[in-house]
Amino acid sequence: FHNVVDTAIADSYLPFLKTAVRYPGFKFAVHYSGWLLEYIKDYNAETFGLLQKLAQSGQIEFFSGGFYEPILAVIPSKYRQLQINKLNRFIEEHFGQKPKGLWLTERVWDPSIIPDLTACGIEYVIVDDYHFISAGFDKSSLYGYYQTEQDGNRIKVFPIDQKLRY
């Protein structure tokens, strides 16, 4: 649905990036799926150029993820790594960054993905604070990050405010 993506670019992505570039002290992170980055590259040079400019200035940090937005916990290890590495390569090639953080599709977390994430150079993930609150954490303790591991592979997990995200 090109018209849906074009509308999102025109009404959301492009105005935000045009505003952000005017405030070089404002640093932020973004996640775009691989297919969306390809689409923007092919159909909206202005938006793609702003992303490159923001990356070059160090104002923007790109999160990785699965290139085609798979739920990583439900696909085999080999394909997890292929998906993440494909997006990492695209980001490195076009924006000069090697992603260290990862956005989980639908925020589906399972510790079995940790070895694959670390094998792809991922150092941290972000998940909704809901996961932590459901596990018994107090919301007031969720303003930092936690470390977890699987089979000796460590990763940082940052809770993000679910209400704020929505």
C-alpha atoms as a PDB file:
ATOM      1  CA  PHE A   1       0.000   0.000   0.000  1.00  0.00           C
ATOM      2  CA  HIS A   2       2.243   2.777  -1.274  1.00  0.00           C
ATOM      3  CA  ASN A   3      -0.337   5.433  -0.418  1.00  0.00           C
ATOM      4  CA  VAL A   4      -0.375   4.402   3.246  1.00  0.00           C
ATOM      5  CA  VAL A   5       3.425   4.558   3.521  1.00  0.00           C
ATOM      6  CA  ASP A   6       3.588   7.792   1.520  1.00  0.00           C
ATOM      7  CA  THR A   7       1.041   9.376   3.868  1.00  0.00           C
ATOM      8  CA  ALA A   8       3.013   8.261   6.941  1.00  0.00           C
ATOM      9  CA  ILE A   9       6.184   9.751   5.459  1.00  0.00           C
ATOM     10  CA  ALA A  10       4.502  13.030   4.502  1.00  0.00           C
ATOM     11  CA  ASP A  11       2.511  13.470   7.716  1.00  0.00           C
ATOM     12  CA  SER A  12       4.908  12.050  10.290  1.00  0.00           C
ATOM     13  CA  TYR A  13       8.447  11.013   9.395  1.00  0.00           C
ATOM     14  CA  LEU A  14       9.404  13.941   7.155  1.00  0.00           C
ATOM     15  CA  PRO A  15       8.026  16.752   9.365  1.00  0.00           C
ATOM     16  CA  PHE A  16       9.688  15.219  12.421  1.00  0.00           C
ATOM     17  CA  LEU A  17      13.058  14.910  10.686  1.00  0.00           C
ATOM     18  CA  LYS A  18      12.820  18.456   9.282  1.00  0.00           C
ATOM     19  CA  THR A  19      12.222  19.720  12.810  1.00  0.00           C
ATOM     20  CA  ALA A  20      14.924  17.550  14.410  1.00  0.00           C
ATOM     21  CA  VAL A  21      17.614  18.712  11.999  1.00  0.00           C
ATOM     22  CA  ARG A  22      17.024  22.301  13.182  1.00  0.00           C
ATOM     23  CA  TYR A  23      18.000  21.277  16.745  1.00  0.00           C
ATOM     24  CA  PRO A  24      21.463  19.668  16.533  1.00  0.00           C
ATOM     25  CA  GLY A  25      21.640  19.266  20.320  1.00  0.00           C
ATOM     26  CA  PHE A  26      18.610  16.969  20.250  1.00  0.00           C
ATOM     27  CA  LYS A  27      19.860  13.397  20.022  1.00  0.00           C
ATOM     28  CA  PHE A  28      17.481  10.511  19.507  1.00  0.00           C
ATOM     29  CA  ALA A  29      17.202   6.911  18.409  1.00  0.00           C
ATOM     30  CA  VAL A  30      14.953   5.484  15.725  1.00  0.00           C
ATOM     31  CA  HIS A  31      13.925   2.140  14.373  1.00  0.00           C
ATOM     32  CA  TYR A  32      12.810   1.701  10.811  1.00  0.00           C
ATOM     33  CA  SER A  33      12.349  -1.773   9.410  1.00  0.00           C
ATOM     34  CA  GLY A  34      14.549  -2.720   6.493  1.00  0.00           C
ATOM     35  CA  TRP A  35      11.738  -2.792   3.989  1.00  0.00           C
ATOM     36  CA  LEU A  36      10.662   0.699   5.087  1.00  0.00           C
ATOM     37  CA  LEU A  37      14.198   2.072   4.770  1.00  0.00           C
ATOM     38  CA  GLU A  38      14.414   0.568   1.285  1.00  0.00           C
ATOM     39  CA  TYR A  39      11.088   2.131   0.393  1.00  0.00           C
ATOM     40  CA  ILE A  40      12.148   5.557   1.677  1.00  0.00           C
ATOM     41  CA  LYS A  41      15.442   5.257  -0.231  1.00  0.00           C
ATOM     42  CA  ASP A  42      13.633   4.384  -3.454  1.00  0.00           C
ATOM     43  CA  TYR A  43      10.650   6.747  -3.208  1.00  0.00           C
ATOM     44  CA  ASN A  44      11.491   9.666  -0.919  1.00  0.00           C
ATOM     45  CA  ALA A  45      14.991  11.029  -1.393  1.00  0.00           C
ATOM     46  CA  GLU A  46      14.323  14.028   0.852  1.00  0.00           C
ATOM     47  CA  THR A  47      13.499  11.868   3.866  1.00  0.00           C
ATOM     48  CA  PHE A  48      16.375   9.490   3.155  1.00  0.00           C
ATOM     49  CA  GLY A  49      18.763  12.419   2.810  1.00  0.00           C
ATOM     50  CA  LEU A  50      17.655  13.852   6.165  1.00  0.00           C
ATOM     51  CA  LEU A  51      18.230  10.469   7.812  1.00  0.00           C
ATOM     52  CA  GLN A  52      21.731  10.399   6.330  1.00  0.00           C
ATOM     53  CA  LYS A  53      22.450  13.970   7.439  1.00  0.00           C
ATOM     54  CA  LEU A  54      21.278  13.222  10.995  1.00  0.00           C
ATOM     55  CA  ALA A  55      23.367  10.048  11.085  1.00  0.00           C
ATOM     56  CA  GLN A  56      26.448  11.832   9.778  1.00  0.00           C
ATOM     57  CA  SER A  57      26.148  14.535  12.445  1.00  0.00           C
ATOM     58  CA  GLY A  58      25.768  11.938  15.214  1.00  0.00           C
ATOM     59  CA  GLN A  59      22.350  13.262  16.122  1.00  0.00           C
ATOM     60  CA  ILE A  60      20.501  10.034  15.363  1.00  0.00           C
ATOM     61  CA  GLU A  61      21.153   6.445  16.429  1.00  0.00           C
ATOM     62  CA  PHE A  62      19.613   3.612  14.454  1.00  0.00           C
ATOM     63  CA  PHE A  63      18.194   0.574  16.205  1.00  0.00           C
ATOM     64  CA  SER A  64      18.487  -2.740  14.444  1.00  0.00           C
ATOM     65  CA  GLY A  65      15.888  -5.477  14.298  1.00  0.00           C
ATOM     66  CA  GLY A  66      14.732  -8.086  11.860  1.00  0.00           C
ATOM     67  CA  PHE A  67      14.887  -6.666   8.326  1.00  0.00           C
ATOM     68  CA  TYR A  68      11.327  -7.756   7.496  1.00  0.00           C
ATOM     69  CA  GLU A  69      10.037  -7.339  11.085  1.00  0.00           C
ATOM     70  CA  PRO A  70       9.757 -10.993  12.103  1.00  0.00           C
ATOM     71  CA  ILE A  71       9.018 -11.859  15.695  1.00  0.00           C
ATOM     72  CA  LEU A  72      12.543 -13.030  16.477  1.00  0.00           C
ATOM     73  CA  ALA A  73      11.567 -15.422  19.275  1.00  0.00           C
ATOM     74  CA  VAL A  74       9.529 -17.600  16.903  1.00  0.00           C
ATOM     75  CA  ILE A  75      11.963 -18.032  14.020  1.00  0.00           C
ATOM     76  CA  PRO A  76      15.014 -20.335  13.983  1.00  0.00           C
ATOM     77  CA  SER A  77      18.340 -18.991  15.216  1.00  0.00           C
ATOM     78  CA  LYS A  78      19.915 -19.017  11.750  1.00  0.00           C
ATOM     79  CA  TYR A  79      17.140 -16.809  10.356  1.00  0.00           C
ATOM     80  CA  ARG A  80      17.217 -14.451  13.338  1.00  0.00           C
ATOM     81  CA  GLN A  81      20.847 -13.727  12.639  1.00  0.00           C
ATOM     82  CA  LEU A  82      20.282 -13.379   8.883  1.00  0.00           C
ATOM     83  CA  GLN A  83      17.443 -10.891   9.454  1.00  0.00           C
ATOM     84  CA  ILE A  84      19.398  -8.778  11.967  1.00  0.00           C
ATOM     85  CA  ASN A  85      22.607  -8.826   9.950  1.00  0.00           C
ATOM     86  CA  LYS A  86      20.734  -7.805   6.786  1.00  0.00           C
ATOM     87  CA  LEU A  87      19.378  -4.690   8.523  1.00  0.00           C
ATOM     88  CA  ASN A  88      22.752  -4.005  10.178  1.00  0.00           C
ATOM     89  CA  ARG A  89      24.455  -4.069   6.756  1.00  0.00           C
ATOM     90  CA  PHE A  90      21.876  -1.707   5.264  1.00  0.00           C
ATOM     91  CA  ILE A  91      22.320   0.753   8.142  1.00  0.00           C
ATOM     92  CA  GLU A  92      26.116   0.549   7.950  1.00  0.00           C
ATOM     93  CA  GLU A  93      26.152   0.977   4.163  1.00  0.00           C
ATOM     94  CA  HIS A  94      23.760   3.935   4.015  1.00  0.00           C
ATOM     95  CA  PHE A  95      24.183   5.643   7.385  1.00  0.00           C
ATOM     96  CA  GLY A  96      27.693   4.704   8.521  1.00  0.00           C
ATOM     97  CA  GLN A  97      26.570   3.193  11.814  1.00  0.00           C
ATOM     98  CA  LYS A  98      26.891  -0.266  13.296  1.00  0.00           C
ATOM     99  CA  PRO A  99      23.741  -0.681  15.392  1.00  0.00           C
ATOM    100  CA  LYS A 100      24.247  -1.610  19.040  1.00  0.00           C
ATOM    101  CA  GLY A 101      20.586  -1.518  20.075  1.00  0.00           C
ATOM    102  CA  LEU A 102      17.646  -3.547  18.837  1.00  0.00           C
ATOM    103  CA  TRP A 103      13.918  -2.928  18.658  1.00  0.00           C
ATOM    104  CA  LEU A 104      11.944  -6.121  19.260  1.00  0.00           C
ATOM    105  CA  THR A 105       9.050  -6.563  16.867  1.00  0.00           C
ATOM    106  CA  GLU A 106       5.856  -6.359  18.892  1.00  0.00           C
ATOM    107  CA  ARG A 107       8.208  -6.258  21.905  1.00  0.00           C
ATOM    108  CA  VAL A 108       8.114 -10.064  22.144  1.00  0.00           C
ATOM    109  CA  TRP A 109      10.897 -11.071  24.527  1.00  0.00           C
ATOM    110  CA  ASP A 110      12.369 -14.490  25.102  1.00  0.00           C
ATOM    111  CA  PRO A 111      15.854 -15.097  26.547  1.00  0.00           C
ATOM    112  CA  SER A 112      16.581 -17.686  23.844  1.00  0.00           C
ATOM    113  CA  ILE A 113      17.281 -14.834  21.412  1.00  0.00           C
ATOM    114  CA  ILE A 114      20.162 -13.426  23.483  1.00  0.00           C
ATOM    115  CA  PRO A 115      22.963 -15.548  21.924  1.00  0.00           C
ATOM    116  CA  ASP A 116      21.823 -14.533  18.422  1.00  0.00           C
ATOM    117  CA  LEU A 117      21.606 -10.869  19.359  1.00  0.00           C
ATOM    118  CA  THR A 118      25.107 -10.823  20.809  1.00  0.00           C
ATOM    119  CA  ALA A 119      26.442 -12.760  17.800  1.00  0.00           C
ATOM    120  CA  CYS A 120      25.130  -9.878  15.659  1.00  0.00           C
ATOM    121  CA  GLY A 121      26.876  -7.257  17.789  1.00  0.00           C
ATOM    122  CA  ILE A 122      23.764  -6.142  19.631  1.00  0.00           C
ATOM    123  CA  GLU A 123      24.500  -4.830  23.120  1.00  0.00           C
ATOM    124  CA  TYR A 124      21.024  -3.839  24.291  1.00  0.00           C
ATOM    125  CA  VAL A 125      17.318  -4.193  23.588  1.00  0.00           C
ATOM    126  CA  ILE A 126      14.349  -2.096  24.585  1.00  0.00           C
ATOM    127  CA  VAL A 127      11.110  -3.611  25.859  1.00  0.00           C
ATOM    128  CA  ASP A 128       7.904  -2.188  27.323  1.00  0.00           C
ATOM    129  CA  ASP A 129       8.010  -1.626  31.059  1.00  0.00           C
ATOM    130  CA  TYR A 130       4.947  -3.878  31.163  1.00  0.00           C
ATOM    131  CA  HIS A 131       7.266  -6.906  31.040  1.00  0.00           C
ATOM    132  CA  PHE A 132       9.057  -5.712  34.170  1.00  0.00           C
ATOM    133  CA  ILE A 133       5.907  -4.657  36.016  1.00  0.00           C
ATOM    134  CA  SER A 134       4.324  -8.055  35.280  1.00  0.00           C
ATOM    135  CA  ALA A 135       7.415  -9.701  36.780  1.00  0.00           C
ATOM    136  CA  GLY A 136       6.962  -7.707  40.001  1.00  0.00           C
ATOM    137  CA  PHE A 137       9.194  -4.668  39.478  1.00  0.00           C
ATOM    138  CA  ASP A 138       8.035  -1.343  40.857  1.00  0.00           C
ATOM    139  CA  LYS A 139       7.603   1.282  38.121  1.00  0.00           C
ATOM    140  CA  SER A 140       9.864   3.677  40.037  1.00  0.00           C
ATOM    141  CA  SER A 141      12.808   1.276  39.552  1.00  0.00           C
ATOM    142  CA  LEU A 142      12.549   1.278  35.760  1.00  0.00           C
ATOM    143  CA  TYR A 143      14.652   4.318  34.853  1.00  0.00           C
ATOM    144  CA  GLY A 144      17.858   2.638  33.792  1.00  0.00           C
ATOM    145  CA  TYR A 145      18.683  -0.766  32.420  1.00  0.00           C
ATOM    146  CA  TYR A 146      19.123  -4.322  33.631  1.00  0.00           C
ATOM    147  CA  GLN A 147      21.503  -7.010  32.443  1.00  0.00           C
ATOM    148  CA  THR A 148      20.477 -10.520  31.673  1.00  0.00           C
ATOM    149  CA  GLU A 149      22.202 -13.493  30.071  1.00  0.00           C
ATOM    150  CA  GLN A 150      21.634 -16.739  28.273  1.00  0.00           C
ATOM    151  CA  ASP A 151      24.348 -19.383  27.963  1.00  0.00           C
ATOM    152  CA  GLY A 152      26.984 -16.865  29.063  1.00  0.00           C
ATOM    153  CA  ASN A 153      25.889 -14.194  26.571  1.00  0.00           C
ATOM    154  CA  ARG A 154      25.036 -10.907  28.306  1.00  0.00           C
ATOM    155  CA  ILE A 155      22.738  -8.180  27.089  1.00  0.00           C
ATOM    156  CA  LYS A 156      21.318  -4.995  28.554  1.00  0.00           C
ATOM    157  CA  VAL A 157      17.546  -4.573  28.670  1.00  0.00           C
ATOM    158  CA  PHE A 158      16.079  -1.070  28.832  1.00  0.00           C
ATOM    159  CA  PRO A 159      12.463  -0.726  29.915  1.00  0.00           C
ATOM    160  CA  ILE A 160      10.544   1.902  27.967  1.00  0.00           C
ATOM    161  CA  ASP A 161       7.397   3.537  29.269  1.00  0.00           C
ATOM    162  CA  GLN A 162       4.570   1.765  27.509  1.00  0.00           C
ATOM    163  CA  LYS A 163       2.116   4.609  28.118  1.00  0.00           C
ATOM    164  CA  LEU A 164       4.564   7.164  26.718  1.00  0.00           C
ATOM    165  CA  ARG A 165       5.262   4.965  23.672  1.00  0.00           C
ATOM    166  CA  TYR A 166       1.561   4.806  22.853  1.00  0.00           C
END
